[in-house]
């Protein structure tokens, strides 16, 4: 029996598991919309139980603050979504999938974003002059990380999963 071919989901999951060990991440594949969302969470203690309003205006005084966001991989020809709902939206090439360089750099740069975000979240909870907390995704920096991979990684594609 032939071994199933590795898909974008398999490859990305391996990269996330290998690279991001101290944060919670998950993949959410929406086969109908041809999207793959990388969901991630940051947690921080809120020992003084400050009242925090989230993006929807919901107030929380929990001891542990949980912040969740996502990156969406999408098929430009088939997916529909609101880019405002994601930290970043990244196209892939239909059934061809995405290059190993692109998928690897998502894990590498996301770890950097989460490290910085964790620090910013703690600052937000402890420093009174911090009005808002949000993660920052720099598309140019992400592109430069992707471009730094060897050409073999740039040209080796991992296919989008078939049903």
C-alpha atoms as a PDB file:
ATOM      1  CA  UNK A   1       0.000   0.000   0.000  1.00  0.00           C
ATOM      2  CA  UNK A   2       1.373   3.387  -1.002  1.00  0.00           C
ATOM      3  CA  UNK A   3       2.142   5.877   1.736  1.00  0.00           C
ATOM      4  CA  UNK A   4      -0.202   8.859   1.685  1.00  0.00           C
ATOM      5  CA  UNK A   5       1.452  11.996   0.417  1.00  0.00           C
ATOM      6  CA  UNK A   6       2.267  14.627   3.013  1.00  0.00           C
ATOM      7  CA  UNK A   7      -0.159  17.560   2.823  1.00  0.00           C
ATOM      8  CA  UNK A   8       0.034  21.222   3.824  1.00  0.00           C
ATOM      9  CA  UNK A   9      -1.752  20.336   7.066  1.00  0.00           C
ATOM     10  CA  UNK A  10       0.749  17.588   7.958  1.00  0.00           C
ATOM     11  CA  UNK A  11       3.784  19.687   7.109  1.00  0.00           C
ATOM     12  CA  UNK A  12       2.530  22.823   8.864  1.00  0.00           C
ATOM     13  CA  UNK A  13       1.523  20.830  11.965  1.00  0.00           C
ATOM     14  CA  UNK A  14       5.037  19.327  12.139  1.00  0.00           C
ATOM     15  CA  UNK A  15       6.651  22.758  11.796  1.00  0.00           C
ATOM     16  CA  UNK A  16       4.417  24.303  14.477  1.00  0.00           C
ATOM     17  CA  UNK A  17       5.004  21.381  16.873  1.00  0.00           C
ATOM     18  CA  UNK A  18       8.776  21.555  16.346  1.00  0.00           C
ATOM     19  CA  UNK A  19       9.110  25.363  16.499  1.00  0.00           C
ATOM     20  CA  UNK A  20       6.432  26.583  18.907  1.00  0.00           C
ATOM     21  CA  UNK A  21       6.682  24.574  22.101  1.00  0.00           C
ATOM     22  CA  UNK A  22       5.606  27.062  24.771  1.00  0.00           C
ATOM     23  CA  UNK A  23       2.341  28.297  23.245  1.00  0.00           C
ATOM     24  CA  UNK A  24      -0.931  26.607  22.430  1.00  0.00           C
ATOM     25  CA  UNK A  25      -1.509  26.271  18.681  1.00  0.00           C
ATOM     26  CA  UNK A  26      -4.033  24.349  16.617  1.00  0.00           C
ATOM     27  CA  UNK A  27      -4.938  23.918  12.966  1.00  0.00           C
ATOM     28  CA  UNK A  28      -8.518  24.356  11.845  1.00  0.00           C
ATOM     29  CA  UNK A  29      -9.147  23.074   8.313  1.00  0.00           C
ATOM     30  CA  UNK A  30     -12.326  24.299   6.649  1.00  0.00           C
ATOM     31  CA  UNK A  31     -12.514  22.056   3.582  1.00  0.00           C
ATOM     32  CA  UNK A  32     -15.645  23.777   2.237  1.00  0.00           C
ATOM     33  CA  UNK A  33     -14.049  27.228   2.292  1.00  0.00           C
ATOM     34  CA  UNK A  34     -10.596  25.907   1.263  1.00  0.00           C
ATOM     35  CA  UNK A  35      -8.917  27.531   4.269  1.00  0.00           C
ATOM     36  CA  UNK A  36      -6.531  26.448   6.990  1.00  0.00           C
ATOM     37  CA  UNK A  37      -6.466  28.569  10.123  1.00  0.00           C
ATOM     38  CA  UNK A  38      -3.538  28.496  12.521  1.00  0.00           C
ATOM     39  CA  UNK A  39      -5.167  29.297  15.857  1.00  0.00           C
ATOM     40  CA  UNK A  40      -2.991  30.314  18.790  1.00  0.00           C
ATOM     41  CA  UNK A  41      -3.481  31.431  22.367  1.00  0.00           C
ATOM     42  CA  UNK A  42      -1.522  33.501  24.823  1.00  0.00           C
ATOM     43  CA  UNK A  43      -2.201  33.335  28.545  1.00  0.00           C
ATOM     44  CA  UNK A  44      -1.175  35.787  31.245  1.00  0.00           C
ATOM     45  CA  UNK A  45      -1.894  36.129  34.922  1.00  0.00           C
ATOM     46  CA  UNK A  46      -4.082  39.030  35.941  1.00  0.00           C
ATOM     47  CA  UNK A  47      -3.308  38.901  39.691  1.00  0.00           C
ATOM     48  CA  UNK A  48      -4.975  42.234  40.450  1.00  0.00           C
ATOM     49  CA  UNK A  49      -7.973  41.059  38.423  1.00  0.00           C
ATOM     50  CA  UNK A  50      -8.028  44.260  36.407  1.00  0.00           C
ATOM     51  CA  UNK A  51     -11.087  44.662  34.235  1.00  0.00           C
ATOM     52  CA  UNK A  52     -10.051  44.040  30.628  1.00  0.00           C
ATOM     53  CA  UNK A  53     -12.309  44.791  27.651  1.00  0.00           C
ATOM     54  CA  UNK A  54     -11.783  42.583  24.599  1.00  0.00           C
ATOM     55  CA  UNK A  55     -12.215  43.628  20.953  1.00  0.00           C
ATOM     56  CA  UNK A  56     -15.971  42.997  21.197  1.00  0.00           C
ATOM     57  CA  UNK A  57     -16.214  45.125  24.352  1.00  0.00           C
ATOM     58  CA  UNK A  58     -16.736  42.133  26.667  1.00  0.00           C
ATOM     59  CA  UNK A  59     -15.288  42.864  30.110  1.00  0.00           C
ATOM     60  CA  UNK A  60     -13.370  40.252  32.069  1.00  0.00           C
ATOM     61  CA  UNK A  61     -11.777  40.236  35.511  1.00  0.00           C
ATOM     62  CA  UNK A  62     -10.463  36.679  35.306  1.00  0.00           C
ATOM     63  CA  UNK A  63      -7.241  35.713  37.086  1.00  0.00           C
ATOM     64  CA  UNK A  64      -5.906  34.306  33.836  1.00  0.00           C
ATOM     65  CA  UNK A  65      -6.348  36.324  30.671  1.00  0.00           C
ATOM     66  CA  UNK A  66      -6.585  34.272  27.471  1.00  0.00           C
ATOM     67  CA  UNK A  67      -5.889  35.945  24.144  1.00  0.00           C
ATOM     68  CA  UNK A  68      -6.728  34.047  20.953  1.00  0.00           C
ATOM     69  CA  UNK A  69      -6.010  34.990  17.353  1.00  0.00           C
ATOM     70  CA  UNK A  70      -5.320  33.279  14.054  1.00  0.00           C
ATOM     71  CA  UNK A  71      -3.551  33.275  10.719  1.00  0.00           C
ATOM     72  CA  UNK A  72      -5.535  32.177   7.698  1.00  0.00           C
ATOM     73  CA  UNK A  73      -4.115  30.305   4.721  1.00  0.00           C
ATOM     74  CA  UNK A  74      -6.533  30.658   1.828  1.00  0.00           C
ATOM     75  CA  UNK A  75      -7.110  29.798  -1.829  1.00  0.00           C
ATOM     76  CA  UNK A  76      -7.453  33.138  -3.671  1.00  0.00           C
ATOM     77  CA  UNK A  77      -9.851  31.545  -6.176  1.00  0.00           C
ATOM     78  CA  UNK A  78     -12.146  29.713  -3.748  1.00  0.00           C
ATOM     79  CA  UNK A  79     -12.027  31.103  -0.201  1.00  0.00           C
ATOM     80  CA  UNK A  80     -14.200  33.838   1.255  1.00  0.00           C
ATOM     81  CA  UNK A  81     -13.412  35.529   4.590  1.00  0.00           C
ATOM     82  CA  UNK A  82     -13.015  38.871   6.345  1.00  0.00           C
ATOM     83  CA  UNK A  83      -9.279  39.657   6.585  1.00  0.00           C
ATOM     84  CA  UNK A  84      -9.982  41.907   9.596  1.00  0.00           C
ATOM     85  CA  UNK A  85     -10.758  38.792  11.639  1.00  0.00           C
ATOM     86  CA  UNK A  86      -7.184  37.464  11.397  1.00  0.00           C
ATOM     87  CA  UNK A  87      -3.727  38.568  12.423  1.00  0.00           C
ATOM     88  CA  UNK A  88      -2.555  37.703   8.895  1.00  0.00           C
ATOM     89  CA  UNK A  89      -3.998  36.164   5.735  1.00  0.00           C
ATOM     90  CA  UNK A  90      -1.649  34.213   3.472  1.00  0.00           C
ATOM     91  CA  UNK A  91      -2.585  32.826   0.057  1.00  0.00           C
ATOM     92  CA  UNK A  92      -1.610  29.369  -1.133  1.00  0.00           C
ATOM     93  CA  UNK A  93      -1.720  27.999  -4.673  1.00  0.00           C
ATOM     94  CA  UNK A  94      -4.904  25.910  -4.882  1.00  0.00           C
ATOM     95  CA  UNK A  95      -4.369  22.141  -5.124  1.00  0.00           C
ATOM     96  CA  UNK A  96      -0.632  22.734  -5.564  1.00  0.00           C
ATOM     97  CA  UNK A  97      -0.582  23.925  -1.956  1.00  0.00           C
ATOM     98  CA  UNK A  98       2.235  25.978  -0.480  1.00  0.00           C
ATOM     99  CA  UNK A  99       6.010  25.895  -0.565  1.00  0.00           C
ATOM    100  CA  UNK A 100       7.908  24.330   2.307  1.00  0.00           C
ATOM    101  CA  UNK A 101       9.634  27.719   2.752  1.00  0.00           C
ATOM    102  CA  UNK A 102       6.296  29.494   3.213  1.00  0.00           C
ATOM    103  CA  UNK A 103       4.939  26.930   5.683  1.00  0.00           C
ATOM    104  CA  UNK A 104       8.205  26.769   7.653  1.00  0.00           C
ATOM    105  CA  UNK A 105       8.456  30.541   7.848  1.00  0.00           C
ATOM    106  CA  UNK A 106       4.903  30.763   9.225  1.00  0.00           C
ATOM    107  CA  UNK A 107       6.026  28.686  12.224  1.00  0.00           C
ATOM    108  CA  UNK A 108       9.325  30.574  12.632  1.00  0.00           C
ATOM    109  CA  UNK A 109       7.837  34.058  12.397  1.00  0.00           C
ATOM    110  CA  UNK A 110       4.731  33.173  14.428  1.00  0.00           C
ATOM    111  CA  UNK A 111       6.995  32.067  17.293  1.00  0.00           C
ATOM    112  CA  UNK A 112       8.717  35.464  17.161  1.00  0.00           C
ATOM    113  CA  UNK A 113       5.318  37.253  17.091  1.00  0.00           C
ATOM    114  CA  UNK A 114       4.080  35.176  20.047  1.00  0.00           C
ATOM    115  CA  UNK A 115       7.270  35.746  22.082  1.00  0.00           C
ATOM    116  CA  UNK A 116       6.918  39.492  21.566  1.00  0.00           C
ATOM    117  CA  UNK A 117       3.164  39.304  22.133  1.00  0.00           C
ATOM    118  CA  UNK A 118       3.540  37.423  25.420  1.00  0.00           C
ATOM    119  CA  UNK A 119       5.878  40.145  26.674  1.00  0.00           C
ATOM    120  CA  UNK A 120       3.519  42.886  25.436  1.00  0.00           C
ATOM    121  CA  UNK A 121       0.540  41.176  27.105  1.00  0.00           C
ATOM    122  CA  UNK A 122       2.365  41.091  30.444  1.00  0.00           C
ATOM    123  CA  UNK A 123       3.282  44.776  30.021  1.00  0.00           C
ATOM    124  CA  UNK A 124      -0.347  45.539  29.198  1.00  0.00           C
ATOM    125  CA  UNK A 125      -1.472  43.924  32.457  1.00  0.00           C
ATOM    126  CA  UNK A 126       1.166  45.578  34.631  1.00  0.00           C
ATOM    127  CA  UNK A 127       1.759  49.044  33.142  1.00  0.00           C
ATOM    128  CA  UNK A 128      -0.977  51.629  33.454  1.00  0.00           C
ATOM    129  CA  UNK A 129       0.065  53.561  30.337  1.00  0.00           C
ATOM    130  CA  UNK A 130      -0.615  50.538  28.091  1.00  0.00           C
ATOM    131  CA  UNK A 131      -4.058  51.283  26.644  1.00  0.00           C
ATOM    132  CA  UNK A 132      -4.419  48.387  24.225  1.00  0.00           C
ATOM    133  CA  UNK A 133      -2.860  45.017  23.528  1.00  0.00           C
ATOM    134  CA  UNK A 134      -2.587  43.540  20.066  1.00  0.00           C
ATOM    135  CA  UNK A 135      -0.221  41.238  18.243  1.00  0.00           C
ATOM    136  CA  UNK A 136       1.797  42.690  15.380  1.00  0.00           C
ATOM    137  CA  UNK A 137       2.421  40.828  12.108  1.00  0.00           C
ATOM    138  CA  UNK A 138       4.899  42.511   9.775  1.00  0.00           C
ATOM    139  CA  UNK A 139       4.251  41.192   6.259  1.00  0.00           C
ATOM    140  CA  UNK A 140       7.626  42.484   4.979  1.00  0.00           C
ATOM    141  CA  UNK A 141       9.523  40.748   7.770  1.00  0.00           C
ATOM    142  CA  UNK A 142       7.554  37.545   7.132  1.00  0.00           C
ATOM    143  CA  UNK A 143       8.387  37.774   3.401  1.00  0.00           C
ATOM    144  CA  UNK A 144      12.091  38.258   4.147  1.00  0.00           C
ATOM    145  CA  UNK A 145      12.127  35.195   6.447  1.00  0.00           C
ATOM    146  CA  UNK A 146      10.435  33.167   3.692  1.00  0.00           C
ATOM    147  CA  UNK A 147      12.879  34.467   1.057  1.00  0.00           C
ATOM    148  CA  UNK A 148      15.872  33.414   3.201  1.00  0.00           C
ATOM    149  CA  UNK A 149      15.053  29.705   2.784  1.00  0.00           C
ATOM    150  CA  UNK A 150      17.100  27.759   0.206  1.00  0.00           C
ATOM    151  CA  UNK A 151      15.708  27.575  -3.316  1.00  0.00           C
ATOM    152  CA  UNK A 152      14.844  23.897  -2.895  1.00  0.00           C
ATOM    153  CA  UNK A 153      12.490  24.863  -0.041  1.00  0.00           C
ATOM    154  CA  UNK A 154      11.078  27.707  -2.162  1.00  0.00           C
ATOM    155  CA  UNK A 155      10.261  25.410  -5.072  1.00  0.00           C
ATOM    156  CA  UNK A 156       9.161  22.268  -3.189  1.00  0.00           C
ATOM    157  CA  UNK A 157       5.409  22.432  -2.719  1.00  0.00           C
ATOM    158  CA  UNK A 158       3.310  20.496  -0.226  1.00  0.00           C
ATOM    159  CA  UNK A 159      -0.184  19.880  -1.672  1.00  0.00           C
ATOM    160  CA  UNK A 160      -3.460  21.081  -0.255  1.00  0.00           C
ATOM    161  CA  UNK A 161      -5.258  18.091   1.338  1.00  0.00           C
ATOM    162  CA  UNK A 162      -7.794  16.271  -0.807  1.00  0.00           C
ATOM    163  CA  UNK A 163     -10.972  14.946   0.746  1.00  0.00           C
END
